Protein backbone atom coordinates (compact mmCIF):
# COMPACT_ATOMS: atom_id res chain seq x y z
CA MET A 1 0.00 0.00 0.00
CA LEU A 2 1.82 3.13 -1.20
CA VAL A 3 1.74 6.29 0.86
CA GLY A 4 0.66 8.45 -2.08
CA VAL A 5 -3.01 8.10 -1.24
CA VAL A 6 -5.98 10.45 -1.06
CA LEU A 7 -5.92 12.01 2.41
CA VAL A 8 -8.64 13.00 4.78
CA LEU A 9 -8.17 16.73 5.15
CA LEU A 10 -6.82 17.05 8.68
CA THR A 11 -6.23 20.29 10.50
CA ASP A 12 -4.14 21.08 13.54
CA LEU A 13 -5.39 18.85 16.33
CA SER A 14 -4.47 21.48 18.87
CA CYS A 15 -7.51 23.34 17.60
CA LYS A 16 -9.60 20.28 18.57
CA LYS A 17 -10.84 19.82 15.01
CA VAL A 18 -10.51 16.55 13.18
CA LEU A 19 -11.87 17.32 9.74
CA ASP A 20 -11.81 20.40 7.56
CA LEU A 21 -15.50 20.82 6.86
CA THR A 22 -15.17 23.19 3.91
CA PRO A 23 -17.84 21.73 1.56
CA GLN A 24 -15.87 22.22 -1.68
CA SER A 25 -12.91 20.06 -0.67
CA SER A 26 -13.87 17.69 2.12
CA TYR A 27 -16.53 15.50 3.65
CA SER A 28 -18.71 15.96 6.71
CA THR A 29 -17.91 13.84 9.75
CA THR A 30 -21.20 12.03 9.27
CA THR A 31 -20.27 11.06 5.73
CA VAL A 32 -16.79 9.85 6.68
CA TRP A 33 -17.89 7.58 9.51
CA THR A 34 -20.77 6.00 7.61
CA ASP A 35 -18.84 5.29 4.42
CA PRO A 36 -16.35 2.38 4.73
CA ASN A 37 -14.41 3.61 1.71
CA LEU A 38 -13.80 7.00 3.32
CA ILE A 39 -12.87 5.26 6.56
CA GLN A 40 -10.26 3.34 4.56
CA VAL A 41 -8.84 6.67 3.39
CA TYR A 42 -8.72 7.85 6.99
CA VAL A 43 -6.84 4.72 8.06
CA ASN A 44 -4.38 5.15 5.19
CA GLU A 45 -3.46 8.52 6.70
CA VAL A 46 -3.03 6.91 10.11
CA TYR A 47 -0.58 4.42 8.56
CA LYS A 48 1.44 7.29 7.18
CA GLU A 49 1.82 8.86 10.61
CA SER A 50 2.23 5.68 12.69
CA VAL A 51 5.02 3.95 10.78
CA TYR A 52 8.47 5.48 11.05
CA ALA A 53 10.91 5.18 8.17
CA PHE A 54 14.46 5.98 7.10
CA LYS A 55 15.73 9.00 9.01
CA ASP A 56 13.14 8.74 11.81
CA GLY A 57 13.06 4.96 12.05
CA GLY A 58 16.71 4.05 11.49
CA PHE A 59 19.43 6.51 10.58
CA GLY A 60 18.56 9.13 13.20
CA TRP A 61 18.75 6.54 15.96
CA GLY A 62 21.96 5.07 14.54
CA SER A 63 23.51 8.54 14.62
CA GLN A 64 23.15 8.56 18.41
CA THR A 65 25.21 5.38 18.71
CA ASP A 66 28.47 3.89 17.48
CA GLU A 67 26.92 3.25 14.03
CA LEU A 68 26.61 6.63 12.33
CA TYR A 69 27.29 10.35 12.22
CA SER A 70 24.52 12.70 11.09
CA ASN A 71 26.07 15.04 8.53
CA PHE A 72 23.23 17.59 8.64
CA ASN A 73 21.67 16.91 12.05
CA TRP A 74 18.26 16.52 10.39
CA CYS A 75 16.70 14.99 13.50
CA SER A 76 18.72 16.98 16.07
CA GLU A 77 20.79 13.86 16.78
CA ASN A 78 23.87 15.85 17.80
CA VAL A 79 22.00 17.46 20.69
CA TYR A 80 22.03 14.04 22.32
CA VAL A 81 25.51 12.77 21.51
CA GLN A 82 26.99 16.07 22.69
CA GLY A 83 25.08 15.89 25.97
CA LEU A 84 22.97 18.99 25.32
CA ALA A 85 19.39 17.68 25.34
CA THR A 86 16.96 19.35 27.73
CA PRO A 87 13.17 19.43 28.08
CA ASP A 88 13.31 22.87 26.43
CA ASN A 89 15.00 21.98 23.14
CA GLN A 90 12.75 19.12 22.03
CA ASN A 91 11.39 20.42 18.76
CA SER A 92 8.28 18.73 17.44
CA SER A 93 6.42 19.35 14.22
CA PHE A 94 3.34 17.96 12.54
CA PRO A 95 2.66 15.55 11.00
CA LEU A 96 4.74 12.68 12.27
CA ASN A 97 7.62 11.68 9.94
CA TYR A 98 8.28 15.27 8.87
CA SER A 99 9.87 16.43 12.09
CA SER A 100 13.28 17.72 13.09
CA THR A 101 13.36 15.59 16.22
CA LEU A 102 13.23 12.01 17.39
CA ASN A 103 11.39 12.95 20.59
CA ASP A 104 7.90 13.05 19.03
CA TRP A 105 5.91 12.98 22.29
CA THR A 106 3.45 15.52 20.92
CA THR A 107 3.14 14.12 17.42
CA LEU A 108 2.75 10.54 18.60
CA TYR A 109 -0.10 11.53 20.87
CA SER A 110 -1.64 13.47 17.97
CA THR A 111 -1.65 10.27 15.94
CA ILE A 112 -2.99 8.26 18.88
CA SER A 113 -5.82 10.78 19.09
CA LYS A 114 -6.75 9.93 15.48
CA GLU A 115 -6.64 6.23 16.30
CA ASN A 116 -8.89 6.80 19.31
CA LEU A 117 -11.24 8.84 17.14
CA PHE A 118 -11.47 5.86 14.79
CA PHE A 119 -12.62 3.57 17.60
CA GLN A 120 -15.04 6.19 18.88
CA ASN A 121 -16.76 6.54 15.51
CA ILE A 122 -16.37 3.21 13.75
CA THR A 123 -19.68 1.93 15.17
CA GLN A 124 -21.50 4.42 12.92
CA ALA A 125 -20.25 2.70 9.77
CA ASP A 126 -22.59 1.01 7.37
CA THR A 127 -21.82 -2.69 7.86
CA VAL A 128 -24.05 -4.00 5.08
CA GLY A 129 -21.66 -5.74 2.73
CA TYR A 130 -18.67 -4.23 4.52
CA GLY A 131 -18.43 -6.35 7.66
CA PRO A 132 -15.13 -8.10 6.84
CA GLN A 133 -13.52 -4.86 5.63
CA LEU A 134 -14.47 -3.02 8.81
CA THR A 135 -13.31 -5.88 11.02
CA ASN A 136 -9.96 -5.81 9.26
CA LEU A 137 -9.72 -2.03 9.64
CA LYS A 138 -10.28 -2.36 13.37
CA GLY A 139 -7.44 -4.87 13.55
CA GLU A 140 -5.17 -2.57 11.57
CA VAL A 141 -5.81 0.39 13.84
CA HIS A 142 -5.27 -1.73 16.97
CA PHE A 143 -1.89 -2.64 15.49
CA LEU A 144 -1.07 0.98 14.60
CA ARG A 145 -2.01 2.23 18.06
CA ALA A 146 0.15 -0.50 19.59
CA LEU A 147 2.99 0.63 17.34
CA CYS A 148 2.61 4.27 18.45
CA TYR A 149 2.55 3.38 22.12
CA PHE A 150 5.59 1.17 21.64
CA GLU A 151 7.40 4.14 20.08
CA LEU A 152 6.55 6.13 23.21
CA LEU A 153 7.62 3.30 25.52
CA LYS A 154 10.98 2.99 23.78
CA ARG A 155 11.69 6.69 24.16
CA PHE A 156 10.23 7.60 27.53
CA GLY A 157 9.39 4.48 29.53
CA GLY A 158 5.89 4.31 30.97
CA VAL A 159 3.49 6.93 29.59
CA PRO A 160 -0.12 8.09 30.05
CA LEU A 161 -2.48 5.58 28.47
CA ILE A 162 -5.03 7.69 26.62
CA THR A 163 -8.01 6.10 24.92
CA LYS A 164 -10.49 9.00 24.93
CA VAL A 165 -10.75 11.79 22.37
CA PHE A 166 -10.28 15.25 23.86
CA THR A 167 -12.62 18.04 22.81
CA VAL A 168 -12.73 21.83 23.17
CA ASP A 169 -14.53 21.28 26.48
CA ASP A 170 -11.42 19.69 27.98
CA LYS A 171 -9.72 22.65 29.67
CA SER A 172 -7.28 20.84 31.93
CA PHE A 173 -5.38 17.58 31.95
CA ASN A 174 -4.34 15.33 34.80
CA ASP A 175 -3.05 12.17 33.16
CA ALA A 176 -0.27 10.47 35.09
CA ARG A 177 2.27 8.11 33.61
CA ALA A 178 1.64 4.38 33.80
CA THR A 179 4.51 2.09 34.79
CA TRP A 180 6.69 0.44 32.15
CA ASP A 181 4.94 -2.90 32.73
CA ALA A 182 1.46 -1.37 32.60
CA THR A 183 2.31 0.34 29.31
CA ARG A 184 3.57 -3.00 27.98
CA ASP A 185 0.32 -4.67 28.99
CA PHE A 186 -1.73 -1.94 27.32
CA ILE A 187 0.21 -2.47 24.09
CA LEU A 188 -0.26 -6.23 24.40
CA ALA A 189 -4.03 -5.76 24.63
CA ASP A 190 -4.03 -3.91 21.30
CA ILE A 191 -1.72 -6.55 19.84
CA ASN A 192 -4.04 -9.35 20.92
CA ALA A 193 -7.07 -7.53 19.51
CA ALA A 194 -5.31 -7.12 16.16
CA ALA A 195 -4.03 -10.71 16.11
CA ALA A 196 -7.56 -12.02 16.60
CA VAL A 197 -8.79 -10.62 13.27
CA LEU A 198 -5.92 -9.87 10.89
CA PRO A 199 -5.04 -12.41 8.16
CA LYS A 200 -1.68 -14.08 7.57
CA THR A 201 -1.66 -12.76 4.01
CA TYR A 202 -3.85 -10.81 1.60
CA THR A 203 -4.92 -12.21 -1.76
CA ASN A 204 -5.03 -8.82 -3.50
CA SER A 205 -1.65 -7.19 -4.23
CA ALA A 206 -3.33 -3.81 -3.70
CA ASP A 207 -3.33 -4.70 0.00
CA ASP A 208 0.46 -5.15 0.14
CA GLY A 209 1.77 -3.10 3.04
CA LYS A 210 -1.27 -3.53 5.24
CA ALA A 211 -0.78 -4.98 8.68
CA THR A 212 -0.96 -8.77 8.82
CA LEU A 213 -0.93 -11.32 11.61
CA GLY A 214 2.81 -11.63 11.03
CA ALA A 215 3.34 -7.89 11.55
CA VAL A 216 1.36 -7.99 14.78
CA LEU A 217 3.27 -10.98 16.13
CA ALA A 218 6.59 -9.41 15.10
CA LEU A 219 5.76 -6.33 17.16
CA LYS A 220 4.87 -8.62 20.06
CA SER A 221 8.21 -10.39 19.67
CA ARG A 222 10.14 -7.12 19.82
CA LEU A 223 8.11 -5.81 22.77
CA LEU A 224 8.51 -8.97 24.85
CA LEU A 225 12.24 -9.17 24.06
CA TYR A 226 12.58 -5.66 25.49
CA ALA A 227 10.48 -6.64 28.51
CA ALA A 228 12.82 -9.58 29.23
CA SER A 229 16.01 -7.54 28.86
CA PRO A 230 18.18 -6.48 31.84
CA ALA A 231 17.05 -2.84 31.95
CA TYR A 232 13.37 -3.83 32.34
CA ASN A 233 13.78 -7.25 33.96
CA THR A 234 15.96 -6.39 36.91
CA THR A 235 15.34 -9.71 38.68
CA ASN A 236 16.16 -11.68 35.52
CA ASP A 237 12.78 -13.39 35.63
CA MET A 238 13.15 -16.40 33.33
CA THR A 239 9.43 -16.45 32.54
CA ARG A 240 9.94 -13.18 30.69
CA TRP A 241 12.65 -14.73 28.55
CA GLN A 242 10.39 -17.71 27.88
CA SER A 243 7.60 -15.36 26.78
CA ALA A 244 10.06 -13.61 24.45
CA ALA A 245 11.13 -16.95 22.98
CA ASP A 246 7.51 -18.04 22.54
CA ALA A 247 6.61 -14.77 20.80
CA ALA A 248 9.44 -15.12 18.29
CA LYS A 249 8.58 -18.79 17.74
CA ALA A 250 4.98 -17.82 16.97
CA VAL A 251 6.17 -15.75 14.01
CA MET A 252 8.37 -18.59 12.80
CA ASP A 253 5.55 -21.09 13.14
CA LEU A 254 3.35 -19.11 10.76
CA GLY A 255 5.44 -20.62 7.95
CA THR A 256 5.00 -17.42 5.95
CA TYR A 257 8.51 -15.93 6.04
CA SER A 258 12.03 -17.03 5.17
CA LEU A 259 15.50 -15.58 4.75
CA TYR A 260 15.93 -13.97 1.34
CA GLY A 261 19.00 -13.65 -0.83
CA ASN A 262 22.61 -14.65 -0.28
CA ALA A 263 26.03 -13.02 -0.04
CA SER A 264 25.78 -11.50 -3.52
CA SER A 265 22.12 -10.45 -3.34
CA TYR A 266 21.83 -9.48 0.33
CA ASN A 267 20.77 -5.89 -0.39
CA HIS A 268 17.73 -7.15 -2.28
CA ILE A 269 16.08 -7.70 1.10
CA PHE A 270 15.51 -3.95 1.05
CA ILE A 271 15.10 -3.11 -2.64
CA ASP A 272 12.84 -6.02 -3.69
CA PHE A 273 9.45 -4.96 -2.39
CA PHE A 274 7.49 -7.35 -0.15
CA ASN A 275 9.92 -10.25 -0.56
CA PRO A 276 9.64 -13.37 1.67
CA GLU A 277 11.87 -11.91 4.42
CA VAL A 278 9.76 -8.77 4.78
CA ILE A 279 7.13 -9.04 7.51
CA PHE A 280 5.99 -5.42 7.42
CA SER A 281 7.24 -2.50 5.36
CA ARG A 282 6.28 0.86 3.92
CA VAL A 283 6.84 1.40 0.21
CA TYR A 284 7.14 5.00 -0.96
CA ASN A 285 6.32 5.84 -4.54
CA GLY A 286 8.45 7.61 -7.14
CA THR A 287 5.76 10.07 -8.21
CA ASN A 288 5.25 12.36 -5.23
CA TYR A 289 8.04 13.83 -3.13
CA GLU A 290 7.94 12.39 0.40
CA ASP A 291 10.43 14.53 2.36
CA ARG A 292 13.51 12.32 2.80
CA TYR A 293 11.50 9.14 2.36
CA ASN A 294 11.77 8.59 -1.36
CA THR A 295 14.96 10.61 -1.89
CA LEU A 296 16.85 7.89 -0.06
CA TYR A 297 19.30 6.99 -2.83
CA ARG A 298 20.38 10.60 -3.36
CA ASP A 299 20.52 11.41 0.33
CA LEU A 300 22.80 8.49 1.23
CA SER A 301 25.14 8.64 -1.79
CA PRO A 302 28.47 10.53 -1.77
CA ASN A 303 28.96 14.08 -3.00
CA GLY A 304 30.96 12.97 -6.04
CA TYR A 305 27.80 11.38 -7.42
CA ASN A 306 25.76 14.52 -6.59
CA GLY A 307 24.55 12.87 -3.41
CA TYR A 308 24.28 14.34 0.09
CA SER A 309 26.26 11.86 2.25
CA ALA A 310 23.57 12.53 4.83
CA TYR A 311 24.56 9.74 7.23
CA ASN A 312 28.19 8.67 7.55
CA VAL A 313 29.26 5.28 8.87
CA LEU A 314 31.60 5.49 11.86
CA GLU A 315 34.96 3.78 11.86
CA GLN A 316 34.08 1.71 14.93
CA MET A 317 31.13 0.25 13.02
CA VAL A 318 33.43 -0.60 10.11
CA GLU A 319 35.91 -2.29 12.42
CA ASP A 320 33.21 -4.47 13.97
CA PHE A 321 32.56 -6.29 10.68
CA ASP A 322 34.60 -9.50 10.97
CA MET A 323 36.93 -10.98 8.42
CA LYS A 324 35.50 -13.52 6.00
CA ASP A 325 36.96 -16.38 8.06
CA GLY A 326 35.10 -15.18 11.16
CA SER A 327 38.08 -13.65 12.95
CA ALA A 328 37.98 -10.09 14.23
CA PHE A 329 39.47 -7.30 12.11
CA SER A 330 42.57 -5.65 13.59
CA TRP A 331 44.66 -2.67 12.55
CA SER A 332 47.52 -4.45 14.32
CA ASN A 333 47.53 -7.12 11.62
CA PRO A 334 49.87 -5.78 8.88
CA THR A 335 48.01 -7.56 6.07
CA GLU A 336 44.64 -6.26 7.19
CA ALA A 337 45.97 -2.75 7.87
CA ALA A 338 47.43 -2.52 4.36
CA ASN A 339 44.14 -3.49 2.70
CA PRO A 340 41.47 -3.01 5.37
CA TYR A 341 38.40 -3.56 3.21
CA ALA A 342 39.41 -6.88 1.66
CA ASN A 343 38.21 -10.31 2.77
CA ARG A 344 35.55 -8.99 5.14
CA ASP A 345 32.12 -10.33 6.06
CA PRO A 346 30.15 -10.06 2.77
CA ARG A 347 27.62 -7.83 4.52
CA PHE A 348 30.31 -5.17 4.94
CA GLY A 349 30.45 -4.31 1.24
CA VAL A 350 26.66 -4.34 1.02
CA ASP A 351 26.11 -2.14 4.08
CA VAL A 352 29.01 0.30 3.76
CA LEU A 353 30.33 2.29 0.81
CA TYR A 354 34.09 2.52 1.33
CA ASN A 355 37.08 3.82 -0.58
CA GLY A 356 37.59 1.79 -3.75
CA ALA A 357 34.18 0.12 -3.69
CA PRO A 358 32.47 -0.06 -7.10
CA PHE A 359 29.44 2.21 -7.24
CA GLN A 360 27.47 3.55 -10.21
CA GLY A 361 30.13 3.20 -12.86
CA ARG A 362 33.30 3.96 -10.93
CA ASN A 363 35.07 3.22 -7.66
CA ALA A 364 34.29 5.45 -4.69
CA GLN A 365 37.04 7.97 -3.92
CA PHE A 366 37.05 8.89 -0.23
CA TYR A 367 40.82 9.41 -0.19
CA GLU A 368 42.20 12.92 0.31
CA GLY A 369 41.59 14.86 -2.90
CA GLY A 370 39.22 12.20 -4.30
CA LEU A 371 35.90 12.96 -5.97
CA ASP A 372 33.99 11.92 -2.84
CA SER A 373 36.25 13.64 -0.32
CA LYS A 374 36.07 16.92 1.56
CA GLU A 375 38.62 18.29 -0.95
CA SER A 376 36.49 17.41 -3.97
CA THR A 377 35.42 20.08 -6.44
CA LEU A 378 31.94 18.46 -6.41
CA SER A 379 29.86 19.79 -3.50
CA PRO A 380 32.54 19.32 -0.82
CA TRP A 381 30.04 20.49 1.82
CA ASN A 382 28.14 17.25 1.10
CA ALA A 383 31.19 15.05 1.65
CA SER A 384 31.28 12.31 4.25
CA LYS A 385 33.08 13.40 7.41
CA THR A 386 34.08 9.83 8.30
CA GLY A 387 35.29 8.50 4.94
CA TYR A 388 32.27 6.19 4.55
CA THR A 389 28.60 6.39 3.60
CA ILE A 390 25.68 3.97 3.89
CA HIS A 391 25.30 1.51 1.03
CA LYS A 392 22.62 -0.63 2.64
CA MET A 393 19.16 -0.03 1.12
CA VAL A 394 20.58 1.94 -1.84
CA ASP A 395 19.65 0.69 -5.31
CA ASP A 396 22.84 1.10 -7.37
CA THR A 397 20.88 0.90 -10.62
CA TYR A 398 18.75 3.96 -9.94
CA ASN A 399 19.93 7.27 -11.42
CA PHE A 400 18.79 9.90 -8.94
CA ASN A 401 20.34 12.62 -11.09
CA ILE A 402 17.44 12.18 -13.52
CA GLN A 403 14.78 12.20 -10.78
CA PRO A 404 15.80 12.60 -7.14
CA TYR A 405 12.82 10.74 -5.71
CA SER A 406 12.09 7.12 -6.43
CA SER A 407 10.15 4.14 -5.15
CA CYS A 408 11.84 2.69 -2.09
CA GLN A 409 11.02 0.42 0.82
CA TRP A 410 11.53 0.83 4.55
CA VAL A 411 11.47 -2.58 6.21
CA ALA A 412 10.01 -2.16 9.69
CA PHE A 413 10.04 -5.87 10.60
CA ARG A 414 11.89 -8.70 8.90
CA TYR A 415 12.43 -12.38 9.53
CA SER A 416 16.11 -12.07 10.34
CA GLU A 417 15.26 -9.99 13.41
CA ILE A 418 12.83 -12.65 14.59
CA LEU A 419 15.54 -15.33 14.37
CA LEU A 420 17.88 -13.11 16.37
CA ASN A 421 15.16 -12.43 18.94
CA TYR A 422 14.63 -16.15 19.32
CA ALA A 423 18.35 -16.91 19.53
CA GLU A 424 18.85 -14.27 22.23
CA ALA A 425 15.93 -15.47 24.34
CA GLU A 426 17.01 -19.11 24.04
CA ALA A 427 20.58 -18.21 24.99
CA GLU A 428 19.35 -16.37 28.09
CA LEU A 429 17.28 -19.43 28.98
CA GLY A 430 20.41 -21.59 28.77
CA ASN A 431 19.38 -23.40 25.59
CA SER A 432 22.71 -22.89 23.87
CA ALA A 433 22.34 -25.45 21.09
CA THR A 434 19.04 -23.95 19.95
CA ALA A 435 20.42 -20.42 20.13
CA LEU A 436 23.45 -21.37 18.04
CA THR A 437 21.28 -23.03 15.42
CA TYR A 438 19.29 -19.89 14.76
CA VAL A 439 22.07 -17.32 14.91
CA ASN A 440 24.08 -19.47 12.50
CA MET A 441 21.18 -19.64 10.05
CA ILE A 442 21.67 -15.90 9.55
CA ARG A 443 25.43 -16.23 9.11
CA GLU A 444 25.13 -19.16 6.71
CA ARG A 445 22.86 -17.10 4.45
CA VAL A 446 25.84 -14.86 3.56
CA GLY A 447 28.51 -17.55 3.70
CA MET A 448 29.98 -16.67 7.10
CA PRO A 449 31.29 -19.56 9.23
CA ASP A 450 29.23 -20.77 12.16
CA VAL A 451 30.00 -19.32 15.57
CA THR A 452 30.73 -21.45 18.58
CA ALA A 453 30.62 -20.34 22.19
CA ALA A 454 32.61 -20.98 25.34
CA GLY A 455 29.72 -20.74 27.78
CA GLN A 456 26.50 -18.78 28.10
CA THR A 457 28.04 -15.30 28.50
CA ASP A 458 30.21 -15.77 25.42
CA LEU A 459 27.19 -16.95 23.44
CA ILE A 460 25.06 -13.97 24.49
CA ASN A 461 27.86 -11.59 23.51
CA LYS A 462 28.21 -13.25 20.11
CA ILE A 463 24.48 -12.98 19.48
CA ARG A 464 24.63 -9.31 20.41
CA HIS A 465 27.51 -8.86 17.97
CA GLU A 466 25.59 -10.62 15.22
CA ARG A 467 22.65 -8.35 15.89
CA ARG A 468 24.92 -5.31 15.56
CA ILE A 469 26.07 -6.47 12.12
CA GLU A 470 22.88 -7.94 10.67
CA LEU A 471 20.55 -5.14 11.76
CA CYS A 472 22.87 -2.14 11.41
CA PHE A 473 21.26 1.18 10.41
CA GLU A 474 17.75 -0.26 10.88
CA GLY A 475 17.03 1.55 14.16
CA HIS A 476 17.85 -1.25 16.60
CA ARG A 477 21.25 -0.38 18.07
CA PHE A 478 20.11 2.66 20.11
CA PHE A 479 17.41 0.66 21.88
CA ASP A 480 19.40 -2.57 22.12
CA LEU A 481 22.15 -0.81 24.04
CA ARG A 482 19.59 0.65 26.42
CA ARG A 483 17.64 -2.54 27.05
CA TRP A 484 20.95 -4.31 27.73
CA GLY A 485 21.87 -1.57 30.21
CA ILE A 486 25.07 -0.57 28.39
CA ALA A 487 24.04 2.62 26.57
CA GLN A 488 27.22 4.47 27.47
CA SER A 489 29.33 1.92 25.58
CA GLY A 490 27.76 3.09 22.33
CA ASN A 491 28.41 6.79 22.88
CA GLY A 492 32.17 7.04 22.48
CA ASN A 493 33.68 9.71 20.26
CA GLY A 494 32.74 9.44 16.60
CA LEU A 495 35.67 8.03 14.62
CA GLY A 496 36.48 8.35 10.95
CA ILE A 497 39.32 7.41 8.61
CA ILE A 498 41.90 9.60 6.88
CA ILE A 499 43.00 7.94 3.64
CA THR A 500 46.17 9.30 2.04
CA PRO A 501 47.29 8.23 -1.46
CA THR A 502 50.85 6.90 -1.71
CA SER A 503 50.99 6.57 -5.50
CA SER A 504 50.41 9.04 -8.33
CA ALA A 505 47.68 6.79 -9.72
CA ASN A 506 45.84 6.84 -6.37
CA THR A 507 45.89 3.06 -6.15
CA SER A 508 47.72 2.61 -2.84
CA PHE A 509 47.02 4.33 0.45
CA THR A 510 47.82 4.75 4.10
CA TYR A 511 45.03 4.82 6.69
CA LYS A 512 44.76 6.76 9.93
CA VAL A 513 41.86 6.51 12.38
CA ASP A 514 40.78 9.98 13.47
CA THR A 515 38.30 11.47 15.94
CA MET A 516 35.84 13.53 13.93
CA GLN A 517 33.20 14.18 16.60
CA VAL A 518 33.68 14.53 20.34
CA ARG A 519 30.72 13.05 22.18
CA THR A 520 29.61 13.51 25.79
CA TRP A 521 27.63 10.94 27.72
CA GLN A 522 24.93 12.01 30.17
CA GLN A 523 23.52 9.27 32.39
CA GLY A 524 19.97 10.56 31.98
CA PHE A 525 20.12 9.99 28.26
CA ASN A 526 18.97 6.41 28.66
CA LEU A 527 15.53 7.94 28.08
CA TYR A 528 14.30 11.02 26.27
CA PRO A 529 12.95 14.05 28.18
CA ILE A 530 9.27 14.91 28.13
CA PRO A 531 9.00 18.36 26.48
CA ARG A 532 8.56 21.20 28.98
CA LYS A 533 5.29 22.36 27.42
CA GLU A 534 3.73 18.95 28.05
CA LEU A 535 4.70 19.10 31.72
CA GLU A 536 3.18 22.56 32.01
CA ASP A 537 -0.08 21.43 30.41
CA ASP A 538 -0.38 18.27 32.52
CA PRO A 539 0.76 18.72 36.15
CA ALA A 540 0.38 14.98 36.81
CA LEU A 541 3.27 14.18 34.45
CA LYS A 542 6.66 13.44 35.99
CA GLN A 543 9.88 14.09 34.10
CA ASN A 544 12.41 11.34 33.36
CA PRO A 545 15.48 11.16 35.63
CA GLY A 546 18.44 13.31 34.66
CA TYR A 547 16.48 16.25 33.25
CA ASN A 548 15.61 19.34 35.27
């Protein structure tokens, strides 16, 4: 289901209006809520606001960890890594997915208000001949509301659980925050309601992109993995890990999904729409500009190709990709230091564009004075600051110089994550053989050797490492570090590489690791701050620790 759909004409919810009632260009509320086809249009808009994508769903979060550097600070990522975030500098704009922040307290609740409005009014709909469609729509909106509340839970911890629709008669607010566990349970109730009615698959390709049973169960798997993790499971309750394992297994048992591609076609997971590994995704069309959502290929590509180098891969991320034989990369190894990008995990060349990598008709030139360097004559202000850009999700065959926006897919849930969720939960439960089987399925797909483990702790660490590699830039690292209770370890200084040619033909080089961004860790930054204005409007709200 593409996002270029007819939209219900929404106005600023702060004005307590839901529909623009101008007769020439909109519909009355009565018409909308009695016509299932108009309700479908309304739900399409809710999808657009509820599902995060590239910069908001992945790259922005990666730029607050040891994955990425944000070249243009599009989502105010540097405020966090430099230790400067406060309740007073949390910008938020409307609608969701067009913001300059990753906080999104206000915009998420705006979307939740629309979801609540749906449930308040859906009983007015004409059910004659539309019963199955309306049942499915209810399931979809339960899933989307669960998704929005999970986005709040990830950022803030427990939050107010709002199910009513506020009106102009509501002059004051006194909604306290629920606990983390109560918020989890609220989300689970929506998940269960959606799972009871949504299908495993749709028969009509026009429904591609709608929520399915698999999408709902994938969200449940992610939520319960978080709930079992050290930060939220301080007593290490094994029943939580068993619930996480069961939730992942439920997705696997659907028999609907499988790993897709191999070492040479790995990137097709992201550029082949709705392939067997994709559980839930958003596909953006190439007709209408979607503000950083369908300009992906231009935004990620280097300046020498007329790209923006918007998100730069950090050196520490590059170093964490193993060698092809499974050993760790080391600058202390003379052979590896002389040719650092050779014989690496095949996912490295797919995920990272590095100096000398073939790309759109030539080899990338991140070396000093190269076409893709800060000394280039081609838009040097758009050059990577680290000596790398993201290659993952970029379609090399698309010429964004002809048209900057193109069809592209953000994969919100995929089967590989589910296997990793299952492996982690089984490892925590002490079922090492099972955990190894599933983590190695992912490695075998790209031709990497199986891992072995010397005990439970070693196995858990290796699964965490595999998660870092397999899911890089997809929005997981920021929250993984926090649920594991080791957020500070991912906030070291941002490192890059200085590449100096040693031959006139620019075919041999020396390499020097360099600090390109100094970062400051603040203990309170495990969670985001609630914006000051929200605290002023609702005196029952309590701020997160570490923020004044």
